[in-house]
PDB file of all heavy atoms in Angstrom:
ATOM      1  N   ASP A   1      -0.364 -17.452  -8.843  1.00  0.00           N
ATOM      2  CA  ASP A   1       0.872 -17.545  -9.702  1.00  0.00           C
ATOM      3  C   ASP A   1       0.663 -16.539 -10.916  1.00  0.00           C
ATOM      4  O   ASP A   1      -0.392 -16.214 -11.339  1.00  0.00           O
ATOM      5  CB  ASP A   1       0.981 -18.965 -10.249  1.00  0.00           C
ATOM      6  CG  ASP A   1       1.233 -20.018  -9.137  1.00  0.00           C
ATOM      7  OD1 ASP A   1       1.926 -19.613  -8.173  1.00  0.00           O
ATOM      8  OD2 ASP A   1       0.785 -21.124  -9.268  1.00  0.00           O
ATOM      9  N   GLY A   2       1.810 -16.024 -11.300  1.00  0.00           N
ATOM     10  CA  GLY A   2       1.734 -15.079 -12.461  1.00  0.00           C
ATOM     11  C   GLY A   2       1.538 -13.646 -11.905  1.00  0.00           C
ATOM     12  O   GLY A   2       1.895 -13.280 -10.842  1.00  0.00           O
ATOM     13  N   SER A   3       0.769 -12.874 -12.786  1.00  0.00           N
ATOM     14  CA  SER A   3       0.622 -11.462 -12.541  1.00  0.00           C
ATOM     15  C   SER A   3      -0.479 -11.191 -11.487  1.00  0.00           C
ATOM     16  O   SER A   3      -1.540 -11.773 -11.549  1.00  0.00           O
ATOM     17  CB  SER A   3       0.199 -10.754 -13.800  1.00  0.00           C
ATOM     18  OG  SER A   3       1.179 -10.901 -14.806  1.00  0.00           O
ATOM     19  N   PHE A   4      -0.211 -10.283 -10.554  1.00  0.00           N
ATOM     20  CA  PHE A   4      -1.232  -9.769  -9.655  1.00  0.00           C
ATOM     21  C   PHE A   4      -0.655  -8.498  -8.988  1.00  0.00           C
ATOM     22  O   PHE A   4       0.531  -8.270  -8.923  1.00  0.00           O
ATOM     23  CB  PHE A   4      -1.643 -10.790  -8.581  1.00  0.00           C
ATOM     24  CG  PHE A   4      -0.592 -11.158  -7.557  1.00  0.00           C
ATOM     25  CD1 PHE A   4      -0.531 -10.462  -6.314  1.00  0.00           C
ATOM     26  CD2 PHE A   4       0.293 -12.141  -7.731  1.00  0.00           C
ATOM     27  CE1 PHE A   4       0.403 -10.768  -5.374  1.00  0.00           C
ATOM     28  CE2 PHE A   4       1.272 -12.514  -6.837  1.00  0.00           C
ATOM     29  CZ  PHE A   4       1.273 -11.766  -5.626  1.00  0.00           C
ATOM     30  N   SER A   5      -1.591  -7.710  -8.481  1.00  0.00           N
ATOM     31  CA  SER A   5      -1.228  -6.409  -7.938  1.00  0.00           C
ATOM     32  C   SER A   5      -0.972  -6.508  -6.413  1.00  0.00           C
ATOM     33  O   SER A   5      -1.580  -7.330  -5.681  1.00  0.00           O
ATOM     34  CB  SER A   5      -2.379  -5.415  -8.147  1.00  0.00           C
ATOM     35  OG  SER A   5      -2.155  -4.235  -7.397  1.00  0.00           O
ATOM     36  N   LEU A   6      -0.108  -5.703  -5.914  1.00  0.00           N
ATOM     37  CA  LEU A   6       0.095  -5.544  -4.450  1.00  0.00           C
ATOM     38  C   LEU A   6      -1.151  -5.185  -3.707  1.00  0.00           C
ATOM     39  O   LEU A   6      -1.308  -5.394  -2.524  1.00  0.00           O
ATOM     40  CB  LEU A   6       1.188  -4.515  -4.146  1.00  0.00           C
ATOM     41  CG  LEU A   6       2.647  -4.988  -3.933  1.00  0.00           C
ATOM     42  CD1 LEU A   6       3.510  -3.781  -3.717  1.00  0.00           C
ATOM     43  CD2 LEU A   6       2.749  -6.014  -2.826  1.00  0.00           C
ATOM     44  N   ASN A   7      -2.173  -4.554  -4.390  1.00  0.00           N
ATOM     45  CA  ASN A   7      -3.387  -4.209  -3.790  1.00  0.00           C
ATOM     46  C   ASN A   7      -4.047  -5.396  -3.078  1.00  0.00           C
ATOM     47  O   ASN A   7      -4.816  -5.224  -2.129  1.00  0.00           O
ATOM     48  CB  ASN A   7      -4.282  -3.513  -4.782  1.00  0.00           C
ATOM     49  CG  ASN A   7      -3.917  -2.116  -4.937  1.00  0.00           C
ATOM     50  OD1 ASN A   7      -3.884  -1.314  -4.050  1.00  0.00           O
ATOM     51  ND2 ASN A   7      -3.693  -1.671  -6.230  1.00  0.00           N
ATOM     52  N   LEU A   8      -3.871  -6.576  -3.630  1.00  0.00           N
ATOM     53  CA  LEU A   8      -4.439  -7.797  -3.011  1.00  0.00           C
ATOM     54  C   LEU A   8      -3.936  -7.954  -1.627  1.00  0.00           C
ATOM     55  O   LEU A   8      -4.719  -8.239  -0.726  1.00  0.00           O
ATOM     56  CB  LEU A   8      -4.003  -8.996  -3.903  1.00  0.00           C
ATOM     57  CG  LEU A   8      -4.353 -10.405  -3.247  1.00  0.00           C
ATOM     58  CD1 LEU A   8      -5.836 -10.624  -3.167  1.00  0.00           C
ATOM     59  CD2 LEU A   8      -3.705 -11.484  -4.109  1.00  0.00           C
ATOM     60  N   LEU A   9      -2.677  -7.733  -1.375  1.00  0.00           N
ATOM     61  CA  LEU A   9      -2.077  -7.850  -0.062  1.00  0.00           C
ATOM     62  C   LEU A   9      -2.459  -6.671   0.886  1.00  0.00           C
ATOM     63  O   LEU A   9      -2.640  -6.845   2.036  1.00  0.00           O
ATOM     64  CB  LEU A   9      -0.543  -7.966  -0.125  1.00  0.00           C
ATOM     65  CG  LEU A   9      -0.069  -9.210  -0.856  1.00  0.00           C
ATOM     66  CD1 LEU A   9       1.479  -9.308  -0.746  1.00  0.00           C
ATOM     67  CD2 LEU A   9      -0.671 -10.466  -0.352  1.00  0.00           C
ATOM     68  N   PHE A  10      -2.562  -5.472   0.254  1.00  0.00           N
ATOM     69  CA  PHE A  10      -3.021  -4.325   0.999  1.00  0.00           C
ATOM     70  C   PHE A  10      -4.388  -4.620   1.600  1.00  0.00           C
ATOM     71  O   PHE A  10      -4.710  -4.390   2.751  1.00  0.00           O
ATOM     72  CB  PHE A  10      -3.044  -3.102   0.176  1.00  0.00           C
ATOM     73  CG  PHE A  10      -1.776  -2.559  -0.239  1.00  0.00           C
ATOM     74  CD1 PHE A  10      -1.679  -1.446  -1.134  1.00  0.00           C
ATOM     75  CD2 PHE A  10      -0.536  -3.134   0.151  1.00  0.00           C
ATOM     76  CE1 PHE A  10      -0.420  -0.998  -1.597  1.00  0.00           C
ATOM     77  CE2 PHE A  10       0.685  -2.672  -0.270  1.00  0.00           C
ATOM     78  CZ  PHE A  10       0.733  -1.564  -1.145  1.00  0.00           C
ATOM     79  N   ASP A  11      -5.276  -5.124   0.712  1.00  0.00           N
ATOM     80  CA  ASP A  11      -6.701  -5.391   1.162  1.00  0.00           C
ATOM     81  C   ASP A  11      -6.742  -6.445   2.220  1.00  0.00           C
ATOM     82  O   ASP A  11      -7.579  -6.378   3.146  1.00  0.00           O
ATOM     83  CB  ASP A  11      -7.623  -5.749  -0.036  1.00  0.00           C
ATOM     84  CG  ASP A  11      -7.851  -4.568  -0.955  1.00  0.00           C
ATOM     85  OD1 ASP A  11      -7.724  -3.393  -0.443  1.00  0.00           O
ATOM     86  OD2 ASP A  11      -8.197  -4.752  -2.101  1.00  0.00           O
ATOM     87  N   ARG A  12      -5.945  -7.473   2.095  1.00  0.00           N
ATOM     88  CA  ARG A  12      -5.936  -8.535   3.091  1.00  0.00           C
ATOM     89  C   ARG A  12      -5.436  -7.976   4.458  1.00  0.00           C
ATOM     90  O   ARG A  12      -5.971  -8.337   5.523  1.00  0.00           O
ATOM     91  CB  ARG A  12      -5.040  -9.690   2.649  1.00  0.00           C
ATOM     92  CG  ARG A  12      -5.598 -10.569   1.511  1.00  0.00           C
ATOM     93  CD  ARG A  12      -4.634 -11.651   1.162  1.00  0.00           C
ATOM     94  NE  ARG A  12      -5.172 -12.497   0.034  1.00  0.00           N
ATOM     95  CZ  ARG A  12      -4.456 -13.545  -0.423  1.00  0.00           C
ATOM     96  NH1 ARG A  12      -3.277 -13.797   0.040  1.00  0.00           N
ATOM     97  NH2 ARG A  12      -5.049 -14.275  -1.398  1.00  0.00           N
ATOM     98  N   ALA A  13      -4.418  -7.103   4.381  1.00  0.00           N
ATOM     99  CA  ALA A  13      -3.952  -6.468   5.654  1.00  0.00           C
ATOM    100  C   ALA A  13      -4.953  -5.599   6.305  1.00  0.00           C
ATOM    101  O   ALA A  13      -5.069  -5.525   7.497  1.00  0.00           O
ATOM    102  CB  ALA A  13      -2.583  -5.829   5.359  1.00  0.00           C
ATOM    103  N   ILE A  14      -5.661  -4.854   5.428  1.00  0.00           N
ATOM    104  CA  ILE A  14      -6.771  -4.056   5.942  1.00  0.00           C
ATOM    105  C   ILE A  14      -7.835  -4.912   6.678  1.00  0.00           C
ATOM    106  O   ILE A  14      -8.259  -4.553   7.819  1.00  0.00           O
ATOM    107  CB  ILE A  14      -7.449  -3.195   4.802  1.00  0.00           C
ATOM    108  CG1 ILE A  14      -6.479  -2.131   4.296  1.00  0.00           C
ATOM    109  CG2 ILE A  14      -8.736  -2.555   5.290  1.00  0.00           C
ATOM    110  CD1 ILE A  14      -6.981  -1.434   3.078  1.00  0.00           C
ATOM    111  N   ALA A  15      -8.211  -6.010   6.072  1.00  0.00           N
ATOM    112  CA  ALA A  15      -9.215  -6.794   6.671  1.00  0.00           C
ATOM    113  C   ALA A  15      -8.764  -7.388   7.993  1.00  0.00           C
ATOM    114  O   ALA A  15      -9.586  -7.615   8.895  1.00  0.00           O
ATOM    115  CB  ALA A  15      -9.551  -8.007   5.704  1.00  0.00           C
ATOM    116  N   ALA A  16      -7.447  -7.591   8.151  1.00  0.00           N
ATOM    117  CA  ALA A  16      -6.924  -8.133   9.390  1.00  0.00           C
ATOM    118  C   ALA A  16      -6.576  -6.990  10.390  1.00  0.00           C
ATOM    119  O   ALA A  16      -6.136  -7.293  11.499  1.00  0.00           O
ATOM    120  CB  ALA A  16      -5.686  -8.951   9.108  1.00  0.00           C
ATOM    121  N   GLY A  17      -6.775  -5.758  10.000  1.00  0.00           N
ATOM    122  CA  GLY A  17      -6.369  -4.593  10.834  1.00  0.00           C
ATOM    123  C   GLY A  17      -4.853  -4.450  11.000  1.00  0.00           C
ATOM    124  O   GLY A  17      -4.408  -3.911  12.041  1.00  0.00           O
ATOM    125  N   ARG A  18      -4.136  -4.854   9.977  1.00  0.00           N
ATOM    126  CA  ARG A  18      -2.676  -4.891  10.106  1.00  0.00           C
ATOM    127  C   ARG A  18      -1.968  -4.085   8.942  1.00  0.00           C
ATOM    128  O   ARG A  18      -0.805  -4.257   8.724  1.00  0.00           O
ATOM    129  CB  ARG A  18      -2.140  -6.330  10.132  1.00  0.00           C
ATOM    130  CG  ARG A  18      -2.653  -7.084  11.431  1.00  0.00           C
ATOM    131  CD  ARG A  18      -2.214  -8.547  11.403  1.00  0.00           C
ATOM    132  NE  ARG A  18      -0.728  -8.619  11.460  1.00  0.00           N
ATOM    133  CZ  ARG A  18      -0.013  -8.650  12.536  1.00  0.00           C
ATOM    134  NH1 ARG A  18      -0.599  -8.472  13.736  1.00  0.00           N
ATOM    135  NH2 ARG A  18       1.271  -8.797  12.510  1.00  0.00           N
ATOM    136  N   LEU A  19      -2.725  -3.222   8.272  1.00  0.00           N
ATOM    137  CA  LEU A  19      -2.089  -2.295   7.329  1.00  0.00           C
ATOM    138  C   LEU A  19      -1.892  -0.977   8.094  1.00  0.00           C
ATOM    139  O   LEU A  19      -2.915  -0.332   8.400  1.00  0.00           O
ATOM    140  CB  LEU A  19      -2.937  -2.149   6.109  1.00  0.00           C
ATOM    141  CG  LEU A  19      -2.327  -1.250   4.999  1.00  0.00           C
ATOM    142  CD1 LEU A  19      -1.132  -2.008   4.328  1.00  0.00           C
ATOM    143  CD2 LEU A  19      -3.282  -0.863   3.920  1.00  0.00           C
ATOM    144  N   TYR A  20      -0.687  -0.511   8.127  1.00  0.00           N
ATOM    145  CA  TYR A  20      -0.381   0.679   8.869  1.00  0.00           C
ATOM    146  C   TYR A  20       0.300   1.738   7.897  1.00  0.00           C
ATOM    147  O   TYR A  20       0.756   1.360   6.858  1.00  0.00           O
ATOM    148  CB  TYR A  20       0.613   0.408  10.024  1.00  0.00           C
ATOM    149  CG  TYR A  20      -0.027  -0.115  11.257  1.00  0.00           C
ATOM    150  CD1 TYR A  20      -0.555  -1.451  11.290  1.00  0.00           C
ATOM    151  CD2 TYR A  20      -0.212   0.639  12.332  1.00  0.00           C
ATOM    152  CE1 TYR A  20      -1.103  -1.977  12.424  1.00  0.00           C
ATOM    153  CE2 TYR A  20      -0.811   0.203  13.565  1.00  0.00           C
ATOM    154  CZ  TYR A  20      -1.258  -1.157  13.488  1.00  0.00           C
ATOM    155  OH  TYR A  20      -1.860  -1.661  14.683  1.00  0.00           O
ATOM    156  N   GLY A  21       0.294   2.971   8.319  1.00  0.00           N
ATOM    157  CA  GLY A  21       0.872   4.003   7.534  1.00  0.00           C
ATOM    158  C   GLY A  21       1.754   4.972   8.351  1.00  0.00           C
ATOM    159  O   GLY A  21       1.593   5.067   9.571  1.00  0.00           O
ATOM    160  N   LEU A  22       2.660   5.606   7.660  1.00  0.00           N
ATOM    161  CA  LEU A  22       3.538   6.627   8.241  1.00  0.00           C
ATOM    162  C   LEU A  22       3.451   7.841   7.313  1.00  0.00           C
ATOM    163  O   LEU A  22       3.716   7.741   6.112  1.00  0.00           O
ATOM    164  CB  LEU A  22       4.933   6.149   8.392  1.00  0.00           C
ATOM    165  CG  LEU A  22       5.999   7.258   8.859  1.00  0.00           C
ATOM    166  CD1 LEU A  22       5.678   7.600  10.342  1.00  0.00           C
ATOM    167  CD2 LEU A  22       7.398   6.658   8.711  1.00  0.00           C
ATOM    168  N   ARG A  23       3.193   9.011   7.820  1.00  0.00           N
ATOM    169  CA  ARG A  23       3.120  10.274   7.018  1.00  0.00           C
ATOM    170  C   ARG A  23       4.505  10.717   6.611  1.00  0.00           C
ATOM    171  O   ARG A  23       5.358  10.794   7.402  1.00  0.00           O
ATOM    172  CB  ARG A  23       2.384  11.288   7.814  1.00  0.00           C
ATOM    173  CG  ARG A  23       2.158  12.610   6.947  1.00  0.00           C
ATOM    174  CD  ARG A  23       1.326  13.593   7.655  1.00  0.00           C
ATOM    175  NE  ARG A  23       1.115  14.787   6.796  1.00  0.00           N
ATOM    176  CZ  ARG A  23       0.173  15.710   7.041  1.00  0.00           C
ATOM    177  NH1 ARG A  23      -0.716  15.546   7.935  1.00  0.00           N
ATOM    178  NH2 ARG A  23       0.084  16.702   6.184  1.00  0.00           N
ATOM    179  N   LEU A  24       4.599  10.929   5.369  1.00  0.00           N
ATOM    180  CA  LEU A  24       5.919  11.406   4.751  1.00  0.00           C
ATOM    181  C   LEU A  24       6.291  12.760   5.320  1.00  0.00           C
ATOM    182  O   LEU A  24       5.457  13.687   5.420  1.00  0.00           O
ATOM    183  CB  LEU A  24       5.786  11.451   3.224  1.00  0.00           C
ATOM    184  CG  LEU A  24       7.025  11.892   2.426  1.00  0.00           C
ATOM    185  CD1 LEU A  24       7.168  11.123   1.177  1.00  0.00           C
ATOM    186  CD2 LEU A  24       6.891  13.416   2.098  1.00  0.00           C
ATOM    187  N   ASP A  25       7.512  12.908   5.721  1.00  0.00           N
ATOM    188  CA  ASP A  25       8.129  14.165   6.143  1.00  0.00           C
ATOM    189  C   ASP A  25       8.767  14.787   4.934  1.00  0.00           C
ATOM    190  O   ASP A  25       9.878  14.345   4.533  1.00  0.00           O
ATOM    191  CB  ASP A  25       9.101  13.888   7.284  1.00  0.00           C
ATOM    192  CG  ASP A  25       9.714  15.175   7.865  1.00  0.00           C
ATOM    193  OD1 ASP A  25       9.191  16.240   7.511  1.00  0.00           O
ATOM    194  OD2 ASP A  25      10.645  15.079   8.655  1.00  0.00           O
ATOM    195  N   GLY A  26       8.125  15.793   4.367  1.00  0.00           N
ATOM    196  CA  GLY A  26       8.676  16.370   3.131  1.00  0.00           C
ATOM    197  C   GLY A  26       7.549  16.603   2.080  1.00  0.00           C
ATOM    198  O   GLY A  26       6.356  16.710   2.483  1.00  0.00           O
ATOM    199  N   GLN A  27       7.883  16.663   0.870  1.00  0.00           N
ATOM    200  CA  GLN A  27       6.876  16.855  -0.248  1.00  0.00           C
ATOM    201  C   GLN A  27       7.037  15.758  -1.258  1.00  0.00           C
ATOM    202  O   GLN A  27       8.093  15.519  -1.778  1.00  0.00           O
ATOM    203  CB  GLN A  27       7.066  18.220  -0.882  1.00  0.00           C
ATOM    204  CG  GLN A  27       5.976  18.527  -1.893  1.00  0.00           C
ATOM    205  CD  GLN A  27       6.052  19.936  -2.458  1.00  0.00           C
ATOM    206  OE1 GLN A  27       7.161  20.465  -2.631  1.00  0.00           O
ATOM    207  NE2 GLN A  27       4.980  20.557  -2.783  1.00  0.00           N
ATOM    208  N   TRP A  28       5.882  15.096  -1.606  1.00  0.00           N
ATOM    209  CA  TRP A  28       5.905  14.005  -2.528  1.00  0.00           C
ATOM    210  C   TRP A  28       5.603  14.448  -3.927  1.00  0.00           C
ATOM    211  O   TRP A  28       4.821  15.416  -4.127  1.00  0.00           O
ATOM    212  CB  TRP A  28       4.849  12.948  -2.089  1.00  0.00           C
ATOM    213  CG  TRP A  28       4.853  11.673  -2.899  1.00  0.00           C
ATOM    214  CD1 TRP A  28       5.870  10.735  -2.978  1.00  0.00           C
ATOM    215  CD2 TRP A  28       3.754  11.233  -3.741  1.00  0.00           C
ATOM    216  NE1 TRP A  28       5.479   9.690  -3.773  1.00  0.00           N
ATOM    217  CE2 TRP A  28       4.173   9.952  -4.255  1.00  0.00           C
ATOM    218  CE3 TRP A  28       2.467  11.739  -3.987  1.00  0.00           C
ATOM    219  CZ2 TRP A  28       3.391   9.207  -5.138  1.00  0.00           C
ATOM    220  CZ3 TRP A  28       1.682  10.965  -4.920  1.00  0.00           C
ATOM    221  CH2 TRP A  28       2.119   9.713  -5.414  1.00  0.00           C
ATOM    222  N   LEU A  29       6.257  13.817  -4.908  1.00  0.00           N
ATOM    223  CA  LEU A  29       6.056  14.186  -6.319  1.00  0.00           C
ATOM    224  C   LEU A  29       5.711  12.878  -7.090  1.00  0.00           C
ATOM    225  O   LEU A  29       6.594  11.980  -7.087  1.00  0.00           O
ATOM    226  CB  LEU A  29       7.262  14.779  -6.936  1.00  0.00           C
ATOM    227  CG  LEU A  29       7.759  16.067  -6.200  1.00  0.00           C
ATOM    228  CD1 LEU A  29       8.970  15.756  -5.305  1.00  0.00           C
ATOM    229  CD2 LEU A  29       8.207  17.111  -7.249  1.00  0.00           C
ATOM    230  N   HIS A  30       4.568  12.778  -7.700  1.00  0.00           N
ATOM    231  CA  HIS A  30       4.231  11.624  -8.467  1.00  0.00           C
ATOM    232  C   HIS A  30       4.617  11.909  -9.893  1.00  0.00           C
ATOM    233  O   HIS A  30       4.079  12.807 -10.538  1.00  0.00           O
ATOM    234  CB  HIS A  30       2.719  11.357  -8.409  1.00  0.00           C
ATOM    235  CG  HIS A  30       2.350  10.133  -9.185  1.00  0.00           C
ATOM    236  ND1 HIS A  30       1.449  10.153 -10.203  1.00  0.00           N
ATOM    237  CD2 HIS A  30       2.792   8.855  -9.204  1.00  0.00           C
ATOM    238  CE1 HIS A  30       1.281   8.989 -10.763  1.00  0.00           C
ATOM    239  NE2 HIS A  30       2.095   8.160 -10.154  1.00  0.00           N
ATOM    240  N   VAL A  31       5.592  11.148 -10.431  1.00  0.00           N
ATOM    241  CA  VAL A  31       6.123  11.393 -11.791  1.00  0.00           C
ATOM    242  C   VAL A  31       5.569  10.319 -12.705  1.00  0.00           C
ATOM    243  O   VAL A  31       6.163   9.318 -13.019  1.00  0.00           O
ATOM    244  CB  VAL A  31       7.684  11.320 -11.739  1.00  0.00           C
ATOM    245  CG1 VAL A  31       8.226  11.788 -13.105  1.00  0.00           C
ATOM    246  CG2 VAL A  31       8.231  12.265 -10.618  1.00  0.00           C
ATOM    247  N   GLY A  32       4.284  10.590 -13.134  1.00  0.00           N
ATOM    248  CA  GLY A  32       3.631   9.559 -13.899  1.00  0.00           C
ATOM    249  C   GLY A  32       3.343   9.965 -15.407  1.00  0.00           C
ATOM    250  O   GLY A  32       3.008   9.074 -16.169  1.00  0.00           O
TER     251      GLY A  32
END
């Protein structure tokens, strides 16, 4: 409950072998 990061769910999906990726078609810009 309350604040937590999506990384928690990413790590759980990795442990289950169920985190997948798709390579971006184009060029990414991180505006931070």
